[in-house]
N, C-alpha and C. Protein backbone atom coordinates (compact mmCIF):
# COMPACT_ATOMS: atom_id res chain seq x y z
N MET A 1 -26.33 20.30 6.81
CA MET A 1 -26.07 20.81 7.86
C MET A 1 -25.24 20.04 8.73
N THR A 2 -23.89 20.61 9.41
CA THR A 2 -23.02 19.43 10.14
C THR A 2 -23.65 19.63 11.79
N ARG A 3 -23.34 18.73 11.96
CA ARG A 3 -23.66 18.29 13.54
C ARG A 3 -22.87 19.01 14.38
N SER A 4 -23.16 19.49 15.62
CA SER A 4 -22.26 20.14 16.47
C SER A 4 -21.71 18.95 17.21
N LEU A 5 -20.59 18.70 17.67
CA LEU A 5 -20.36 17.63 18.78
C LEU A 5 -19.28 18.40 19.77
N SER A 6 -19.10 17.73 20.91
CA SER A 6 -18.07 18.14 21.96
C SER A 6 -16.86 17.33 21.53
N PRO A 7 -15.63 17.84 22.05
CA PRO A 7 -14.50 17.33 21.78
C PRO A 7 -14.59 15.65 22.11
N GLU A 8 -15.37 15.38 23.34
CA GLU A 8 -15.26 14.19 23.80
C GLU A 8 -16.07 13.41 22.95
N GLN A 9 -17.36 13.87 22.27
CA GLN A 9 -18.16 13.08 21.55
C GLN A 9 -17.05 12.71 20.25
N LYS A 10 -16.22 13.73 19.76
CA LYS A 10 -15.28 13.60 18.28
C LYS A 10 -14.41 12.43 18.64
N ARG A 11 -13.80 12.24 19.80
CA ARG A 11 -12.91 11.55 19.88
C ARG A 11 -13.64 10.07 20.33
N GLU A 12 -14.79 10.33 20.79
CA GLU A 12 -15.51 8.94 21.04
C GLU A 12 -15.56 7.97 19.44
N TRP A 13 -16.06 8.82 18.57
CA TRP A 13 -16.35 8.41 17.12
C TRP A 13 -15.05 8.15 16.50
N GLU A 14 -14.06 8.94 16.46
CA GLU A 14 -12.74 8.75 15.69
C GLU A 14 -12.46 7.25 16.60
N GLU A 15 -12.45 6.99 17.81
CA GLU A 15 -11.89 5.62 18.33
C GLU A 15 -12.82 4.75 17.80
N LYS A 16 -14.17 4.71 17.58
CA LYS A 16 -15.05 3.63 17.27
C LYS A 16 -14.37 3.42 15.49
N VAL A 17 -14.44 4.38 14.78
CA VAL A 17 -13.84 4.20 13.53
C VAL A 17 -12.64 3.69 13.46
N ARG A 18 -11.63 3.78 14.30
CA ARG A 18 -10.25 3.14 14.47
C ARG A 18 -10.34 1.64 14.72
N GLN A 19 -11.02 1.64 15.71
CA GLN A 19 -11.45 0.40 16.23
C GLN A 19 -12.09 -0.61 15.25
N GLN A 20 -13.28 -0.06 14.28
CA GLN A 20 -13.46 -0.95 13.25
C GLN A 20 -12.69 -1.27 12.08
N LYS A 21 -11.86 -0.04 11.74
CA LYS A 21 -11.10 -0.46 10.49
C LYS A 21 -9.83 -1.70 11.19
N GLU A 22 -9.38 -1.61 12.55
CA GLU A 22 -8.35 -2.29 12.80
C GLU A 22 -8.97 -3.95 13.04
N SER A 23 -10.30 -4.11 13.45
CA SER A 23 -10.85 -5.11 13.71
C SER A 23 -10.87 -6.15 12.47
N GLY A 24 -10.70 -5.67 11.24
CA GLY A 24 -10.63 -6.65 10.08
C GLY A 24 -12.40 -7.19 9.53
N GLN A 25 -12.96 -6.90 10.41
CA GLN A 25 -14.56 -7.17 10.16
C GLN A 25 -15.16 -6.08 9.13
N SER A 26 -16.25 -6.86 8.42
CA SER A 26 -17.11 -5.67 7.36
C SER A 26 -17.81 -4.96 8.57
N MET A 27 -17.94 -3.66 8.24
CA MET A 27 -18.25 -2.68 9.05
C MET A 27 -19.68 -3.06 9.24
N LEU A 28 -20.61 -3.64 8.74
CA LEU A 28 -22.22 -3.99 8.95
C LEU A 28 -21.94 -5.15 10.35
N LYS A 29 -20.82 -6.10 10.29
CA LYS A 29 -20.66 -7.18 10.95
C LYS A 29 -20.23 -6.47 12.39
N TRP A 30 -19.56 -5.64 12.39
CA TRP A 30 -18.74 -4.90 13.62
C TRP A 30 -19.85 -4.12 14.27
N CYS A 31 -20.67 -3.31 13.38
CA CYS A 31 -21.66 -2.49 13.90
C CYS A 31 -22.53 -3.23 14.60
N ARG A 32 -22.84 -4.42 14.16
CA ARG A 32 -23.91 -5.21 14.74
C ARG A 32 -23.44 -5.62 16.22
N GLU A 33 -22.43 -6.17 16.16
CA GLU A 33 -21.78 -6.83 17.34
C GLU A 33 -21.37 -5.65 18.45
N GLN A 34 -21.27 -4.46 17.92
CA GLN A 34 -20.84 -3.34 18.88
C GLN A 34 -22.25 -2.65 19.42
N GLN A 35 -23.43 -3.01 18.55
CA GLN A 35 -24.82 -2.21 18.58
C GLN A 35 -24.72 -0.99 18.41
N ILE A 36 -24.02 -0.63 17.21
CA ILE A 36 -23.75 0.69 16.78
C ILE A 36 -24.65 0.98 15.62
N ASN A 37 -25.47 2.05 15.27
CA ASN A 37 -26.16 2.13 14.22
C ASN A 37 -25.06 2.18 12.90
N TYR A 38 -25.26 1.35 11.98
CA TYR A 38 -24.71 1.35 10.67
C TYR A 38 -24.57 2.66 9.85
N GLU A 39 -25.78 3.25 9.89
CA GLU A 39 -25.72 4.54 9.09
C GLU A 39 -24.85 5.70 9.76
N SER A 40 -24.99 5.46 11.31
CA SER A 40 -24.31 6.74 12.04
C SER A 40 -22.90 6.24 11.62
N MET A 41 -22.29 5.36 11.73
CA MET A 41 -21.05 4.74 11.42
C MET A 41 -20.62 5.43 10.07
N LEU A 42 -21.27 5.10 8.80
CA LEU A 42 -21.28 5.47 7.76
C LEU A 42 -20.88 7.19 7.62
N TYR A 43 -21.75 7.91 8.24
CA TYR A 43 -21.83 9.39 8.52
C TYR A 43 -20.42 9.60 9.15
N TRP A 44 -20.02 9.11 10.29
CA TRP A 44 -18.93 9.65 10.94
C TRP A 44 -17.42 9.00 10.24
N ARG A 45 -17.81 8.00 9.70
CA ARG A 45 -16.32 7.53 8.82
C ARG A 45 -16.33 8.59 7.98
N LYS A 46 -17.41 8.88 6.96
CA LYS A 46 -17.30 9.98 5.94
C LYS A 46 -16.62 11.19 6.29
N ARG A 47 -17.24 11.60 7.72
CA ARG A 47 -17.08 12.95 8.14
C ARG A 47 -15.56 13.12 8.73
N PHE A 48 -14.81 11.89 8.89
CA PHE A 48 -13.44 11.93 9.52
C PHE A 48 -12.74 11.56 8.09
N GLY A 49 -13.20 11.72 7.04
CA GLY A 49 -12.37 11.71 5.78
C GLY A 49 -12.03 10.09 5.64
N TRP A 50 -12.53 9.31 6.14
CA TRP A 50 -11.95 7.87 5.98
C TRP A 50 -13.08 6.99 5.03
N ASN A 51 -12.79 6.99 3.59
CA ASN A 51 -13.72 6.48 2.78
C ASN A 51 -12.97 5.26 2.15
N PRO A 52 -13.23 4.19 2.86
CA PRO A 52 -12.32 2.80 2.14
C PRO A 52 -12.95 2.75 0.78
N THR A 53 -11.56 2.33 0.24
CA THR A 53 -11.87 1.65 -1.23
C THR A 53 -11.24 0.46 -1.05
N LYS A 54 -12.04 -0.57 -1.46
CA LYS A 54 -11.69 -1.93 -1.24
C LYS A 54 -10.56 -2.21 -2.51
N THR A 55 -9.41 -2.61 -2.19
CA THR A 55 -8.31 -3.16 -3.26
C THR A 55 -8.48 -4.38 -3.47
N LEU A 56 -8.52 -4.91 -4.72
CA LEU A 56 -8.54 -6.22 -5.13
C LEU A 56 -7.28 -6.78 -5.18
N GLU A 57 -7.08 -7.57 -4.59
CA GLU A 57 -5.70 -8.47 -4.71
C GLU A 57 -5.57 -9.49 -5.67
N ARG A 58 -4.48 -9.75 -6.47
CA ARG A 58 -4.61 -10.85 -7.31
C ARG A 58 -5.16 -11.93 -6.89
N SER A 59 -5.04 -12.34 -5.72
CA SER A 59 -5.45 -13.53 -5.15
C SER A 59 -7.10 -13.62 -4.86
N SER A 60 -7.61 -12.62 -5.15
CA SER A 60 -9.17 -12.34 -5.16
C SER A 60 -9.65 -13.04 -6.42
N PHE A 61 -9.04 -13.21 -7.31
CA PHE A 61 -9.22 -13.42 -8.83
C PHE A 61 -8.87 -15.10 -8.89
N LYS A 62 -9.46 -16.00 -9.78
CA LYS A 62 -9.43 -17.08 -10.11
C LYS A 62 -9.06 -17.35 -11.56
N GLU A 63 -7.94 -17.62 -12.13
CA GLU A 63 -7.57 -17.54 -13.34
C GLU A 63 -8.27 -18.93 -14.12
N LEU A 64 -8.90 -18.43 -15.03
CA LEU A 64 -9.51 -19.41 -15.87
C LEU A 64 -8.76 -19.91 -17.17
N SER A 65 -9.06 -21.14 -17.77
CA SER A 65 -8.26 -21.74 -18.65
C SER A 65 -8.73 -21.16 -19.94
N ASP A 66 -7.99 -20.86 -20.85
CA ASP A 66 -8.54 -20.55 -22.23
C ASP A 66 -9.64 -21.53 -22.80
N SER A 67 -10.87 -20.97 -23.25
CA SER A 67 -11.81 -21.79 -23.88
C SER A 67 -12.13 -21.18 -24.92
N SER A 68 -12.46 -22.18 -26.07
CA SER A 68 -12.65 -21.69 -27.49
C SER A 68 -13.87 -21.54 -27.83
N ASP A 69 -15.03 -21.99 -26.76
CA ASP A 69 -16.19 -21.61 -27.25
C ASP A 69 -16.79 -20.11 -27.03
N ASN A 70 -15.88 -19.32 -26.00
CA ASN A 70 -16.20 -17.86 -25.84
C ASN A 70 -17.36 -17.66 -25.56
N THR A 71 -18.05 -18.44 -24.63
CA THR A 71 -19.21 -17.86 -24.42
C THR A 71 -19.71 -16.79 -23.15
N GLY A 72 -18.93 -16.23 -22.79
CA GLY A 72 -18.96 -15.37 -21.98
C GLY A 72 -17.97 -15.16 -20.92
N VAL A 73 -18.13 -14.60 -19.61
CA VAL A 73 -17.49 -14.71 -18.32
C VAL A 73 -18.43 -14.81 -17.22
N THR A 74 -18.13 -15.48 -16.11
CA THR A 74 -18.43 -15.61 -14.93
C THR A 74 -17.95 -14.83 -13.76
N VAL A 75 -18.55 -13.85 -13.37
CA VAL A 75 -17.64 -13.04 -12.14
C VAL A 75 -18.32 -13.59 -10.74
N GLU A 76 -17.44 -13.92 -9.98
CA GLU A 76 -17.82 -14.35 -8.75
C GLU A 76 -17.18 -13.63 -7.66
N TYR A 77 -17.91 -13.09 -6.27
CA TYR A 77 -17.38 -12.65 -5.28
C TYR A 77 -18.09 -13.17 -4.09
N ARG A 78 -17.47 -13.60 -3.33
CA ARG A 78 -18.05 -14.53 -2.25
C ARG A 78 -19.24 -15.47 -2.56
N GLN A 79 -20.35 -14.90 -2.24
CA GLN A 79 -21.22 -16.05 -2.65
C GLN A 79 -22.28 -15.56 -3.71
N VAL A 80 -21.75 -14.46 -4.40
CA VAL A 80 -22.30 -14.07 -5.49
C VAL A 80 -21.77 -14.43 -6.76
N ARG A 81 -22.43 -14.91 -7.86
CA ARG A 81 -22.04 -15.50 -9.05
C ARG A 81 -22.79 -14.57 -10.43
N ILE A 82 -22.18 -13.88 -11.08
CA ILE A 82 -22.82 -13.27 -12.31
C ILE A 82 -22.53 -14.14 -13.48
N HIS A 83 -23.14 -14.38 -14.32
CA HIS A 83 -22.55 -15.03 -15.53
C HIS A 83 -22.97 -13.93 -16.75
N LEU A 84 -22.08 -13.51 -17.57
CA LEU A 84 -22.12 -12.52 -18.58
C LEU A 84 -21.87 -13.17 -19.97
N ALA A 85 -23.07 -13.11 -20.67
CA ALA A 85 -22.90 -14.02 -22.02
C ALA A 85 -22.09 -13.18 -22.89
N LYS A 86 -21.72 -13.55 -23.96
CA LYS A 86 -20.69 -12.96 -24.87
C LYS A 86 -21.45 -11.50 -25.36
N ASN A 87 -22.22 -11.61 -25.66
CA ASN A 87 -23.18 -10.25 -26.08
C ASN A 87 -23.99 -9.60 -24.87
N PHE A 88 -23.71 -9.66 -23.62
CA PHE A 88 -24.49 -9.26 -22.26
C PHE A 88 -24.70 -7.56 -22.67
N ASP A 89 -26.07 -7.50 -21.87
CA ASP A 89 -26.60 -6.06 -21.84
C ASP A 89 -25.90 -5.26 -20.68
N SER A 90 -25.07 -4.48 -20.85
CA SER A 90 -24.31 -3.60 -20.00
C SER A 90 -25.44 -2.83 -19.11
N THR A 91 -26.43 -2.50 -19.53
CA THR A 91 -27.40 -1.82 -18.54
C THR A 91 -28.04 -2.95 -17.52
N VAL A 92 -28.19 -4.07 -18.02
CA VAL A 92 -28.72 -5.05 -17.02
C VAL A 92 -27.52 -5.27 -15.69
N LEU A 93 -26.38 -5.33 -16.16
CA LEU A 93 -25.02 -5.59 -15.25
C LEU A 93 -24.98 -4.46 -14.45
N MET A 94 -25.32 -3.22 -15.03
CA MET A 94 -25.12 -2.25 -14.03
C MET A 94 -26.29 -1.89 -13.00
N GLN A 95 -27.66 -2.55 -13.52
CA GLN A 95 -28.61 -2.71 -12.48
C GLN A 95 -28.30 -3.59 -11.67
N CYS A 96 -27.63 -4.67 -11.86
CA CYS A 96 -27.64 -6.09 -10.69
C CYS A 96 -26.48 -5.19 -9.94
N LEU A 97 -25.64 -4.63 -10.37
CA LEU A 97 -24.29 -3.97 -9.79
C LEU A 97 -24.86 -3.01 -8.62
N ARG A 98 -25.85 -2.29 -9.03
CA ARG A 98 -26.31 -1.40 -8.07
C ARG A 98 -27.37 -1.68 -6.95
N MET A 99 -28.00 -2.83 -7.45
CA MET A 99 -28.56 -3.48 -6.41
C MET A 99 -27.68 -4.33 -5.57
N LEU A 100 -26.75 -5.00 -5.79
CA LEU A 100 -25.71 -5.73 -4.87
C LEU A 100 -25.12 -4.64 -3.91
N LYS A 101 -24.89 -3.33 -4.47
CA LYS A 101 -23.91 -2.30 -3.64
C LYS A 101 -24.88 -1.83 -2.65
N ALA A 102 -26.03 -1.73 -3.13
CA ALA A 102 -27.28 -1.21 -1.88
C ALA A 102 -27.55 -2.00 -0.92
N GLU A 103 -27.30 -3.46 -1.23
CA GLU A 103 -27.76 -4.43 -0.40
C GLU A 103 -26.85 -4.65 1.00
N LYS A 104 -27.52 -4.72 2.08
CA LYS A 104 -26.61 -4.59 3.38
C LYS A 104 -26.78 -6.03 3.85
N CYS A 105 -25.73 -6.63 3.66
CA CYS A 105 -25.77 -8.03 4.23
C CYS A 105 -24.49 -8.51 4.50
């Protein structure tokens, strides 16, 4: 069921969503600093049709030298590092990614 809101409330939430986007901060950090409920912000952002998809720039990746031992690959993002052995179990990887996605840090 959709929440009923006044035009003033709608403008207020639209402004909050705009401010967060322009801040360049993660939504969680911005919400903490502004003392705004993170889940509410997610709701309103989705309601206004802004569902960010992170675009990975080439600069986000580190080029690795070719290795003849081919022991697998290591994926590293921020402070998280996942090493995938040559014949890794994709089910375990998916579980790890789901867990990381759900983590609110």
